């Protein structure tokens, strides 16, 4: 599986992603995958780890 690195992420965006990840009990990586999948029209949400 490939990896990507994000540079120059605005502080407000990173804060919002971290808050969403915490709220949904996901890692930051899982949250980013979820948001990207939904933004690109993925039919099923990204898998989450069990609590």
Protein backbone atom coordinates (compact mmCIF):
# COMPACT_ATOMS: atom_id res chain seq x y z
CA UNK A 1 0.00 0.00 0.00
CA UNK A 2 1.31 3.45 -0.86
CA UNK A 3 1.90 6.30 1.57
CA UNK A 4 1.68 10.04 1.19
CA UNK A 5 2.98 12.95 3.23
CA UNK A 6 1.11 16.21 3.59
CA UNK A 7 3.01 19.46 3.93
CA UNK A 8 1.87 22.90 5.00
CA UNK A 9 -1.39 21.70 6.54
CA UNK A 10 -3.10 24.75 8.04
CA UNK A 11 -3.24 24.63 11.84
CA UNK A 12 -7.02 25.00 11.88
CA UNK A 13 -7.45 22.06 9.49
CA UNK A 14 -5.15 19.83 11.52
CA UNK A 15 -6.98 20.78 14.70
CA UNK A 16 -10.34 19.96 13.08
CA UNK A 17 -9.03 16.60 11.82
CA UNK A 18 -7.66 15.71 15.26
CA UNK A 19 -10.94 16.64 16.92
CA UNK A 20 -12.95 14.61 14.40
CA UNK A 21 -10.63 11.62 14.86
CA UNK A 22 -10.96 11.80 18.64
CA UNK A 23 -14.75 12.17 18.43
CA UNK A 24 -15.03 9.15 16.11
CA UNK A 25 -12.43 7.14 18.06
CA UNK A 26 -10.14 6.88 15.06
CA UNK A 27 -6.46 7.57 14.55
CA UNK A 28 -5.55 10.70 12.64
CA UNK A 29 -4.56 8.53 9.68
CA UNK A 30 -7.90 6.70 9.75
CA UNK A 31 -9.75 10.01 9.89
CA UNK A 32 -7.86 11.41 6.91
CA UNK A 33 -8.63 8.21 4.95
CA UNK A 34 -12.30 8.51 5.93
CA UNK A 35 -12.55 12.15 4.86
CA UNK A 36 -10.73 11.54 1.57
CA UNK A 37 -12.88 8.50 0.82
CA UNK A 38 -16.09 10.40 1.46
CA UNK A 39 -14.90 13.43 -0.52
CA UNK A 40 -14.12 11.22 -3.50
CA UNK A 41 -17.46 9.44 -3.39
CA UNK A 42 -16.35 6.18 -1.85
CA UNK A 43 -19.46 4.11 -1.24
CA UNK A 44 -18.32 2.46 1.97
CA UNK A 45 -16.53 4.26 4.78
CA UNK A 46 -12.90 3.50 5.53
CA UNK A 47 -12.55 0.67 8.05
CA UNK A 48 -12.06 1.62 11.67
CA UNK A 49 -10.28 -0.28 14.37
CA UNK A 50 -12.36 -1.70 17.17
CA UNK A 51 -12.26 0.32 20.43
